[in-house]
Amino acid sequence: MKQDPAIDPGRRPASTATFDQLLNTEEAAALLRIHPKTLQRMARRREIPAIQVGKLWRFSASALLSWQEEKLAG
């Protein structure tokens, strides 16, 4: 019996969005080569793209790289 590709469990639906894995403060600070406390301060002041989850800050690598390119260009 031939299986319908629309219901194939091994196939992702076309509408499924993908997103960046979020970095913690230490990982993001290492990426930008700055101190983690500096990065947290910048996140609190909304100077850098970040997401606060409870008391913890999380950062998208692609958003940080875009932010860095913007700062270097301008």
C-alpha atoms as a PDB file:
ATOM      1  CA  MET A   1       0.000   0.000   0.000  1.00  0.00           C
ATOM      2  CA  LYS A   2       1.335   3.409  -0.987  1.00  0.00           C
ATOM      3  CA  GLN A   3       1.507   6.009   1.806  1.00  0.00           C
ATOM      4  CA  ASP A   4       0.203   9.519   1.239  1.00  0.00           C
ATOM      5  CA  PRO A   5       3.204  11.963   1.433  1.00  0.00           C
ATOM      6  CA  ALA A   6       0.984  14.530   3.141  1.00  0.00           C
ATOM      7  CA  ILE A   7       0.751  12.302   6.227  1.00  0.00           C
ATOM      8  CA  ASP A   8       4.259  10.837   6.133  1.00  0.00           C
ATOM      9  CA  PRO A   9       5.492  10.957   9.775  1.00  0.00           C
ATOM     10  CA  GLY A  10       9.102  11.402   8.646  1.00  0.00           C
ATOM     11  CA  ARG A  11       8.320  14.486   6.596  1.00  0.00           C
ATOM     12  CA  ARG A  12       8.022  17.972   8.044  1.00  0.00           C
ATOM     13  CA  PRO A  13       5.044  20.052   6.984  1.00  0.00           C
ATOM     14  CA  ALA A  14       6.031  22.970   4.737  1.00  0.00           C
ATOM     15  CA  SER A  15       4.479  25.468   7.143  1.00  0.00           C
ATOM     16  CA  THR A  16       6.718  24.472  10.079  1.00  0.00           C
ATOM     17  CA  ALA A  17       8.886  27.485  10.943  1.00  0.00           C
ATOM     18  CA  THR A  18      12.461  27.042  12.057  1.00  0.00           C
ATOM     19  CA  PHE A  19      14.200  29.310  14.524  1.00  0.00           C
ATOM     20  CA  ASP A  20      17.637  29.904  15.986  1.00  0.00           C
ATOM     21  CA  GLN A  21      18.710  28.111  19.086  1.00  0.00           C
ATOM     22  CA  LEU A  22      18.924  30.593  21.945  1.00  0.00           C
ATOM     23  CA  LEU A  23      22.285  31.229  23.583  1.00  0.00           C
ATOM     24  CA  ASN A  24      22.767  31.810  27.297  1.00  0.00           C
ATOM     25  CA  THR A  25      24.668  34.843  28.577  1.00  0.00           C
ATOM     26  CA  GLU A  26      28.059  33.145  28.667  1.00  0.00           C
ATOM     27  CA  GLU A  27      27.732  31.757  25.122  1.00  0.00           C
ATOM     28  CA  ALA A  28      26.527  35.076  23.699  1.00  0.00           C
ATOM     29  CA  ALA A  29      29.242  37.038  25.513  1.00  0.00           C
ATOM     30  CA  ALA A  30      31.890  34.681  24.114  1.00  0.00           C
ATOM     31  CA  LEU A  31      30.452  35.174  20.620  1.00  0.00           C
ATOM     32  CA  LEU A  32      30.728  38.963  20.969  1.00  0.00           C
ATOM     33  CA  ARG A  33      33.966  38.782  22.984  1.00  0.00           C
ATOM     34  CA  ILE A  34      32.642  40.874  25.848  1.00  0.00           C
ATOM     35  CA  HIS A  35      32.167  40.184  29.550  1.00  0.00           C
ATOM     36  CA  PRO A  36      28.882  38.444  30.498  1.00  0.00           C
ATOM     37  CA  LYS A  37      27.987  41.191  32.993  1.00  0.00           C
ATOM     38  CA  THR A  38      28.416  43.819  30.257  1.00  0.00           C
ATOM     39  CA  LEU A  39      26.091  41.818  28.018  1.00  0.00           C
ATOM     40  CA  GLN A  40      23.474  41.507  30.791  1.00  0.00           C
ATOM     41  CA  ARG A  41      23.643  45.257  31.430  1.00  0.00           C
ATOM     42  CA  MET A  42      23.162  45.964  27.727  1.00  0.00           C
ATOM     43  CA  ALA A  43      20.188  43.577  27.625  1.00  0.00           C
ATOM     44  CA  ARG A  44      18.540  45.266  30.638  1.00  0.00           C
ATOM     45  CA  ARG A  45      18.974  48.665  28.948  1.00  0.00           C
ATOM     46  CA  ARG A  46      17.565  47.202  25.703  1.00  0.00           C
ATOM     47  CA  GLU A  47      20.762  48.148  23.856  1.00  0.00           C
ATOM     48  CA  ILE A  48      21.094  44.674  22.369  1.00  0.00           C
ATOM     49  CA  PRO A  49      18.504  42.128  21.114  1.00  0.00           C
ATOM     50  CA  ALA A  50      17.631  39.756  23.960  1.00  0.00           C
ATOM     51  CA  ILE A  51      14.805  37.775  25.495  1.00  0.00           C
ATOM     52  CA  GLN A  52      14.288  37.541  29.225  1.00  0.00           C
ATOM     53  CA  VAL A  53      12.965  34.189  30.416  1.00  0.00           C
ATOM     54  CA  GLY A  54      12.259  34.573  34.106  1.00  0.00           C
ATOM     55  CA  LYS A  55      15.490  35.938  35.561  1.00  0.00           C
ATOM     56  CA  LEU A  56      17.648  34.574  32.743  1.00  0.00           C
ATOM     57  CA  TRP A  57      18.621  36.279  29.498  1.00  0.00           C
ATOM     58  CA  ARG A  58      18.690  34.446  26.166  1.00  0.00           C
ATOM     59  CA  PHE A  59      20.137  35.644  22.874  1.00  0.00           C
ATOM     60  CA  SER A  60      19.650  34.668  19.230  1.00  0.00           C
ATOM     61  CA  ALA A  61      23.001  34.249  17.488  1.00  0.00           C
ATOM     62  CA  SER A  62      21.648  35.583  14.181  1.00  0.00           C
ATOM     63  CA  ALA A  63      20.108  38.646  15.891  1.00  0.00           C
ATOM     64  CA  LEU A  64      23.402  39.351  17.663  1.00  0.00           C
ATOM     65  CA  LEU A  65      25.377  39.068  14.431  1.00  0.00           C
ATOM     66  CA  SER A  66      22.924  41.393  12.649  1.00  0.00           C
ATOM     67  CA  TRP A  67      23.186  43.863  15.530  1.00  0.00           C
ATOM     68  CA  GLN A  68      27.000  43.682  15.387  1.00  0.00           C
ATOM     69  CA  GLU A  69      27.063  44.279  11.607  1.00  0.00           C
ATOM     70  CA  GLU A  70      24.744  47.265  12.032  1.00  0.00           C
ATOM     71  CA  LYS A  71      27.002  48.756  14.716  1.00  0.00           C
ATOM     72  CA  LEU A  72      30.133  48.207  12.636  1.00  0.00           C
ATOM     73  CA  ALA A  73      28.540  49.783   9.550  1.00  0.00           C
ATOM     74  CA  GLY A  74      27.196  52.826  11.274  1.00  0.00           C
END
